[in-house]
C-alpha atoms as a PDB file:
ATOM      1  CA  MET A   1    -159.662  59.007  51.295  1.00  0.00           C
ATOM      2  CA  ALA A   2    -158.918  63.001  50.933  1.00  0.00           C
ATOM      3  CA  THR A   3    -161.356  65.064  53.646  1.00  0.00           C
ATOM      4  CA  ALA A   4    -162.590  68.747  53.372  1.00  0.00           C
ATOM      5  CA  HIS A   5    -159.834  71.097  55.229  1.00  0.00           C
ATOM      6  CA  PRO A   6    -160.236  74.580  55.690  1.00  0.00           C
ATOM      7  CA  ARG A   7    -158.567  76.771  53.666  1.00  0.00           C
ATOM      8  CA  LEU A   8    -155.704  77.863  55.661  1.00  0.00           C
ATOM      9  CA  THR A   9    -155.452  74.456  56.542  1.00  0.00           C
ATOM     10  CA  VAL A  10    -154.748  73.023  53.065  1.00  0.00           C
ATOM     11  CA  ILE A  11    -152.101  75.787  52.229  1.00  0.00           C
ATOM     12  CA  ARG A  12    -150.443  75.541  55.956  1.00  0.00           C
ATOM     13  CA  GLU A  13    -150.349  71.414  54.805  1.00  0.00           C
ATOM     14  CA  LEU A  14    -148.767  72.409  51.664  1.00  0.00           C
ATOM     15  CA  GLY A  15    -146.125  74.952  53.437  1.00  0.00           C
ATOM     16  CA  ALA A  16    -145.252  71.824  55.889  1.00  0.00           C
ATOM     17  CA  LEU A  17    -144.752  69.464  53.262  1.00  0.00           C
ATOM     18  CA  LEU A  18    -142.086  71.483  51.567  1.00  0.00           C
ATOM     19  CA  ARG A  19    -140.508  72.393  55.055  1.00  0.00           C
ATOM     20  CA  GLU A  20    -140.114  68.405  55.165  1.00  0.00           C
ATOM     21  CA  ALA A  21    -139.303  67.678  52.025  1.00  0.00           C
ATOM     22  CA  PRO A  22    -135.362  67.719  51.326  1.00  0.00           C
ATOM     23  CA  PRO A  23    -134.040  70.516  48.877  1.00  0.00           C
ATOM     24  CA  ARG A  24    -133.143  69.324  45.070  1.00  0.00           C
ATOM     25  CA  ALA A  25    -132.247  72.316  43.642  1.00  0.00           C
ATOM     26  CA  GLY A  26    -128.871  72.930  45.353  1.00  0.00           C
ATOM     27  CA  ARG A  27    -130.160  74.271  48.412  1.00  0.00           C
ATOM     28  CA  THR A  28    -133.336  75.554  47.340  1.00  0.00           C
ATOM     29  CA  ARG A  29    -136.742  73.561  47.991  1.00  0.00           C
ATOM     30  CA  VAL A  30    -139.094  73.533  45.138  1.00  0.00           C
ATOM     31  CA  ILE A  31    -142.907  73.060  45.268  1.00  0.00           C
ATOM     32  CA  ALA A  32    -144.398  72.852  41.769  1.00  0.00           C
ATOM     33  CA  ILE A  33    -147.959  73.262  41.466  1.00  0.00           C
ATOM     34  CA  ASP A  34    -149.664  71.727  38.515  1.00  0.00           C
ATOM     35  CA  GLY A  35    -152.880  71.170  36.838  1.00  0.00           C
ATOM     36  CA  ARG A  36    -154.925  71.869  33.731  1.00  0.00           C
ATOM     37  CA  SER A  37    -156.267  75.261  33.163  1.00  0.00           C
ATOM     38  CA  GLY A  38    -158.453  76.827  35.705  1.00  0.00           C
ATOM     39  CA  SER A  39    -157.811  74.411  37.932  1.00  0.00           C
ATOM     40  CA  GLY A  40    -156.522  77.660  40.343  1.00  0.00           C
ATOM     41  CA  LYS A  41    -152.764  77.092  40.159  1.00  0.00           C
ATOM     42  CA  SER A  42    -151.787  80.779  40.489  1.00  0.00           C
ATOM     43  CA  THR A  43    -154.581  81.099  43.421  1.00  0.00           C
ATOM     44  CA  VAL A  44    -153.050  78.432  45.607  1.00  0.00           C
ATOM     45  CA  ALA A  45    -149.468  80.160  44.310  1.00  0.00           C
ATOM     46  CA  ALA A  46    -150.422  83.179  45.918  1.00  0.00           C
ATOM     47  CA  LEU A  47    -151.564  81.929  48.981  1.00  0.00           C
ATOM     48  CA  LEU A  48    -148.483  79.707  49.726  1.00  0.00           C
ATOM     49  CA  ARG A  49    -146.464  82.819  48.646  1.00  0.00           C
ATOM     50  CA  GLU A  50    -148.166  84.690  51.732  1.00  0.00           C
ATOM     51  CA  GLU A  51    -147.664  81.629  53.842  1.00  0.00           C
ATOM     52  CA  LEU A  52    -143.931  80.869  52.936  1.00  0.00           C
ATOM     53  CA  ASP A  53    -142.785  84.294  52.302  1.00  0.00           C
ATOM     54  CA  ALA A  54    -141.330  82.783  49.005  1.00  0.00           C
ATOM     55  CA  PRO A  55    -140.828  83.929  45.427  1.00  0.00           C
ATOM     56  CA  VAL A  56    -143.172  82.902  43.058  1.00  0.00           C
ATOM     57  CA  VAL A  57    -141.933  81.452  38.959  1.00  0.00           C
ATOM     58  CA  GLY A  58    -145.106  81.621  36.657  1.00  0.00           C
ATOM     59  CA  LEU A  59    -144.533  79.765  33.661  1.00  0.00           C
ATOM     60  CA  GLU A  60    -147.105  81.578  31.924  1.00  0.00           C
ATOM     61  CA  GLY A  61    -144.318  84.195  31.938  1.00  0.00           C
ATOM     62  CA  LEU A  62    -142.090  81.483  29.837  1.00  0.00           C
ATOM     63  CA  TYR A  63    -144.347  80.024  27.084  1.00  0.00           C
ATOM     64  CA  GLY A  64    -143.781  82.776  24.898  1.00  0.00           C
ATOM     65  CA  GLY A  65    -147.556  82.435  22.982  1.00  0.00           C
ATOM     66  CA  TRP A  66    -150.360  79.901  22.199  1.00  0.00           C
ATOM     67  CA  ASP A  67    -148.139  77.241  21.475  1.00  0.00           C
ATOM     68  CA  GLY A  68    -145.354  77.556  23.577  1.00  0.00           C
ATOM     69  CA  LEU A  69    -146.184  75.274  26.554  1.00  0.00           C
ATOM     70  CA  GLU A  70    -143.072  72.646  25.812  1.00  0.00           C
ATOM     71  CA  HIS A  71    -140.886  75.647  25.676  1.00  0.00           C
ATOM     72  CA  GLY A  72    -141.934  76.953  28.535  1.00  0.00           C
ATOM     73  CA  VAL A  73    -140.580  73.719  30.558  1.00  0.00           C
ATOM     74  CA  ASP A  74    -137.278  73.913  28.277  1.00  0.00           C
ATOM     75  CA  LEU A  75    -136.703  77.096  29.907  1.00  0.00           C
ATOM     76  CA  LEU A  76    -137.851  76.935  33.465  1.00  0.00           C
ATOM     77  CA  VAL A  77    -135.641  73.906  33.050  1.00  0.00           C
ATOM     78  CA  SER A  78    -132.299  76.074  31.760  1.00  0.00           C
ATOM     79  CA  GLU A  79    -132.988  79.273  32.957  1.00  0.00           C
ATOM     80  CA  VAL A  80    -134.182  78.698  36.422  1.00  0.00           C
ATOM     81  CA  LEU A  81    -134.058  75.071  38.081  1.00  0.00           C
ATOM     82  CA  GLU A  82    -130.712  73.986  36.443  1.00  0.00           C
ATOM     83  CA  PRO A  83    -128.960  77.192  37.483  1.00  0.00           C
ATOM     84  CA  LEU A  84    -130.637  76.988  41.204  1.00  0.00           C
ATOM     85  CA  ALA A  85    -129.336  73.483  41.270  1.00  0.00           C
ATOM     86  CA  ALA A  86    -125.750  74.872  40.455  1.00  0.00           C
ATOM     87  CA  GLY A  87    -125.764  77.374  43.521  1.00  0.00           C
ATOM     88  CA  ARG A  88    -126.229  80.277  40.586  1.00  0.00           C
ATOM     89  CA  ALA A  89    -128.967  83.012  40.379  1.00  0.00           C
ATOM     90  CA  ALA A  90    -131.467  82.465  37.971  1.00  0.00           C
ATOM     91  CA  ARG A  91    -132.837  84.597  35.311  1.00  0.00           C
ATOM     92  CA  VAL A  92    -136.302  84.339  35.017  1.00  0.00           C
ATOM     93  CA  PRO A  93    -137.437  85.155  31.384  1.00  0.00           C
ATOM     94  CA  HIS A  94    -140.972  87.350  30.964  1.00  0.00           C
ATOM     95  CA  TYR A  95    -143.092  87.118  27.822  1.00  0.00           C
ATOM     96  CA  ASP A  96    -145.092  90.128  27.109  1.00  0.00           C
ATOM     97  CA  TRP A  97    -148.478  88.578  26.013  1.00  0.00           C
ATOM     98  CA  ILE A  98    -150.220  91.705  25.029  1.00  0.00           C
ATOM     99  CA  ASP A  99    -146.577  93.309  22.783  1.00  0.00           C
ATOM    100  CA  GLN A 100    -145.875  89.515  21.935  1.00  0.00           C
ATOM    101  CA  VAL A 101    -142.349  90.357  22.966  1.00  0.00           C
ATOM    102  CA  TRP A 102    -139.792  88.959  25.626  1.00  0.00           C
ATOM    103  CA  GLY A 103    -138.870  91.525  28.314  1.00  0.00           C
ATOM    104  CA  ASP A 104    -135.811  91.571  30.449  1.00  0.00           C
ATOM    105  CA  ALA A 105    -135.008  88.580  32.582  1.00  0.00           C
ATOM    106  CA  ILE A 106    -135.736  88.725  36.084  1.00  0.00           C
ATOM    107  CA  GLU A 107    -132.804  87.868  38.237  1.00  0.00           C
ATOM    108  CA  LEU A 108    -133.499  85.608  41.102  1.00  0.00           C
ATOM    109  CA  SER A 109    -130.754  84.573  43.797  1.00  0.00           C
ATOM    110  CA  PRO A 110    -130.963  81.128  45.200  1.00  0.00           C
ATOM    111  CA  PRO A 111    -133.636  81.454  47.672  1.00  0.00           C
ATOM    112  CA  GLY A 112    -134.130  78.756  50.586  1.00  0.00           C
ATOM    113  CA  LEU A 113    -138.217  77.959  49.249  1.00  0.00           C
ATOM    114  CA  LEU A 114    -139.643  78.823  45.691  1.00  0.00           C
ATOM    115  CA  ILE A 115    -143.254  78.000  44.250  1.00  0.00           C
ATOM    116  CA  VAL A 116    -143.458  77.141  40.446  1.00  0.00           C
ATOM    117  CA  GLU A 117    -147.079  77.452  39.484  1.00  0.00           C
ATOM    118  CA  GLY A 118    -148.399  76.578  35.887  1.00  0.00           C
ATOM    119  CA  VAL A 119    -148.747  73.931  32.954  1.00  0.00           C
ATOM    120  CA  GLY A 120    -145.760  71.596  32.825  1.00  0.00           C
ATOM    121  CA  ALA A 121    -144.311  72.298  36.131  1.00  0.00           C
ATOM    122  CA  GLY A 122    -144.835  68.889  37.039  1.00  0.00           C
ATOM    123  CA  ALA A 123    -143.063  67.580  34.187  1.00  0.00           C
ATOM    124  CA  ARG A 124    -140.345  64.899  34.900  1.00  0.00           C
ATOM    125  CA  ARG A 125    -137.480  67.152  33.705  1.00  0.00           C
ATOM    126  CA  ALA A 126    -138.433  69.573  35.917  1.00  0.00           C
ATOM    127  CA  ALA A 127    -139.807  67.531  38.620  1.00  0.00           C
ATOM    128  CA  ARG A 128    -136.796  66.049  39.386  1.00  0.00           C
ATOM    129  CA  HIS A 129    -135.551  69.329  41.179  1.00  0.00           C
ATOM    130  CA  ALA A 130    -138.543  69.938  42.900  1.00  0.00           C
ATOM    131  CA  SER A 131    -139.030  68.608  46.501  1.00  0.00           C
ATOM    132  CA  VAL A 132    -143.117  68.824  46.427  1.00  0.00           C
ATOM    133  CA  LEU A 133    -145.231  68.101  43.522  1.00  0.00           C
ATOM    134  CA  VAL A 134    -149.033  69.071  43.812  1.00  0.00           C
ATOM    135  CA  TRP A 135    -151.817  68.161  41.343  1.00  0.00           C
ATOM    136  CA  LEU A 136    -154.836  70.615  41.189  1.00  0.00           C
ATOM    137  CA  GLU A 137    -157.931  69.497  39.765  1.00  0.00           C
ATOM    138  CA  ALA A 138    -161.817  70.539  38.961  1.00  0.00           C
ATOM    139  CA  ALA A 139    -164.493  69.616  36.863  1.00  0.00           C
ATOM    140  CA  ASP A 140    -163.424  70.630  32.705  1.00  0.00           C
ATOM    141  CA  ARG A 141    -166.812  73.101  32.721  1.00  0.00           C
ATOM    142  CA  THR A 142    -165.741  74.464  36.024  1.00  0.00           C
ATOM    143  CA  ARG A 143    -162.150  75.310  34.842  1.00  0.00           C
ATOM    144  CA  ARG A 144    -162.975  76.427  31.394  1.00  0.00           C
ATOM    145  CA  ARG A 145    -165.689  78.667  33.107  1.00  0.00           C
ATOM    146  CA  ARG A 146    -162.878  80.054  35.499  1.00  0.00           C
ATOM    147  CA  ALA A 147    -160.509  80.338  32.832  1.00  0.00           C
ATOM    148  CA  LEU A 148    -162.766  82.599  30.567  1.00  0.00           C
ATOM    149  CA  ASP A 149    -163.607  84.830  33.137  1.00  0.00           C
ATOM    150  CA  ARG A 150    -160.595  85.473  33.892  1.00  0.00           C
ATOM    151  CA  ASP A 151    -159.039  86.092  30.535  1.00  0.00           C
ATOM    152  CA  GLY A 152    -162.356  86.888  28.548  1.00  0.00           C
ATOM    153  CA  ASP A 153    -162.146  87.001  24.914  1.00  0.00           C
ATOM    154  CA  THR A 154    -157.848  86.960  24.800  1.00  0.00           C
ATOM    155  CA  TYR A 155    -158.167  83.171  25.819  1.00  0.00           C
ATOM    156  CA  LEU A 156    -161.498  81.894  23.814  1.00  0.00           C
ATOM    157  CA  PRO A 157    -160.162  81.652  20.381  1.00  0.00           C
ATOM    158  CA  HIS A 158    -157.128  79.898  21.860  1.00  0.00           C
ATOM    159  CA  TRP A 159    -159.007  77.543  24.651  1.00  0.00           C
ATOM    160  CA  GLU A 160    -158.853  74.135  22.205  1.00  0.00           C
ATOM    161  CA  ARG A 161    -155.437  74.681  20.935  1.00  0.00           C
ATOM    162  CA  TRP A 162    -154.209  74.925  24.211  1.00  0.00           C
ATOM    163  CA  ALA A 163    -156.366  72.473  25.790  1.00  0.00           C
ATOM    164  CA  ALA A 164    -154.645  69.923  23.285  1.00  0.00           C
ATOM    165  CA  GLN A 165    -151.427  70.670  24.059  1.00  0.00           C
ATOM    166  CA  GLU A 166    -151.930  70.265  27.930  1.00  0.00           C
ATOM    167  CA  ALA A 167    -153.312  67.043  27.259  1.00  0.00           C
ATOM    168  CA  ALA A 168    -150.617  66.040  25.230  1.00  0.00           C
ATOM    169  CA  MET A 169    -148.272  66.780  28.011  1.00  0.00           C
ATOM    170  CA  LEU A 170    -149.754  65.827  30.986  1.00  0.00           C
ATOM    171  CA  ASP A 171    -150.920  62.541  30.046  1.00  0.00           C
ATOM    172  CA  ARG A 172    -147.426  61.713  28.618  1.00  0.00           C
ATOM    173  CA  GLU A 173    -145.817  63.125  31.620  1.00  0.00           C
ATOM    174  CA  ALA A 174    -148.264  61.085  34.031  1.00  0.00           C
ATOM    175  CA  THR A 175    -148.174  64.286  36.492  1.00  0.00           C
ATOM    176  CA  ARG A 176    -150.978  63.437  38.755  1.00  0.00           C
ATOM    177  CA  ASP A 177    -149.953  59.938  38.990  1.00  0.00           C
ATOM    178  CA  ARG A 178    -146.507  61.626  40.300  1.00  0.00           C
ATOM    179  CA  ALA A 179    -147.902  64.089  42.742  1.00  0.00           C
ATOM    180  CA  ASP A 180    -147.278  63.856  46.521  1.00  0.00           C
ATOM    181  CA  ALA A 181    -150.165  65.630  47.340  1.00  0.00           C
ATOM    182  CA  VAL A 182    -153.421  66.049  45.392  1.00  0.00           C
ATOM    183  CA  VAL A 183    -156.250  68.862  46.125  1.00  0.00           C
ATOM    184  CA  ARG A 184    -159.543  69.082  44.872  1.00  0.00           C
ATOM    185  CA  THR A 185    -160.519  72.961  43.582  1.00  0.00           C
ATOM    186  CA  ASP A 186    -164.449  72.556  42.476  1.00  0.00           C
ATOM    187  CA  ALA A 187    -166.174  75.736  42.881  1.00  0.00           C
ATOM    188  CA  THR A 188    -169.211  77.381  44.483  1.00  0.00           C
ATOM    189  CA  PRO A 189    -172.359  77.506  42.292  1.00  0.00           C
ATOM    190  CA  SER A 190    -170.413  80.925  41.148  1.00  0.00           C
ATOM    191  CA  GLN A 191    -167.943  79.131  39.563  1.00  0.00           C
ATOM    192  CA  ARG A 192    -165.076  80.946  41.439  1.00  0.00           C
ATOM    193  CA  LEU A 193    -162.278  79.154  43.433  1.00  0.00           C
ATOM    194  CA  ASP A 194    -164.127  77.988  47.130  1.00  0.00           C
ATOM    195  CA  LEU A 195    -160.403  77.394  48.930  1.00  0.00           C
ATOM    196  CA  GLY A 196    -162.809  76.881  52.152  1.00  0.00           C
ATOM    197  CA  ALA A 197    -163.859  74.087  50.458  1.00  0.00           C
ATOM    198  CA  LEU A 198    -161.140  72.509  49.020  1.00  0.00           C
ATOM    199  CA  ARG A 199    -160.403  68.957  49.406  1.00  0.00           C
ATOM    200  CA  PHE A 200    -156.751  67.556  50.113  1.00  0.00           C
ATOM    201  CA  GLU A 201    -154.991  64.079  49.712  1.00  0.00           C
ATOM    202  CA  ARG A 202    -151.512  63.840  51.202  1.00  0.00           C
ATOM    203  CA  ARG A 203    -149.551  61.021  49.233  1.00  0.00           C
ATOM    204  CA  PRO A 204    -145.734  60.435  50.678  1.00  0.00           C
ATOM    205  CA  GLY A 205    -143.699  58.581  49.035  1.00  0.00           C
ATOM    206  CA  ALA A 206    -145.301  59.231  45.313  1.00  0.00           C
ATOM    207  CA  ALA A 207    -142.897  57.819  42.625  1.00  0.00           C
ATOM    208  CA  ARG A 208    -141.318  61.256  40.694  1.00  0.00           C
END
């Protein structure tokens, strides 16, 4: 059964999982953090970046718009993971959501450790390059409140549209079932992510 862990213990446990796992993207060990909108992916990724001193690739910069979930995963694979697996530098795409244009790609030399976060990070075509797959989850009401508090009116008109894409992909991919670790990120009454009360379940040997 999952047990409560202090904030830093959970982050260190995830870091240890990654360091123990074999590289699957050339010499790069990738930790993929997936979950529905508002589950805390970017927050956990930021803490892992501090713990591991590793770069982060966020899928938010790869989607290319509100109908781009599948496209973002395709770009993650073709422009980031496959080049790293071949020992080449990646060129990470970047979409400007405000101006709705693609900016210049960011070059990423093959790192020893890499954090990938976003809905779809654990899709099978991406996860075959991941050393560790982490699933974050929280109650639907909590996730919605967090996401709308973060993005406000920008997200509100698109919530159902995006949620339908999430549900279709995550159900098809059975991402949670394949995760090496599941982290419950339910919030305090303020609805903010309470990393001090994370519940962590390590599942070594989960099918990828």
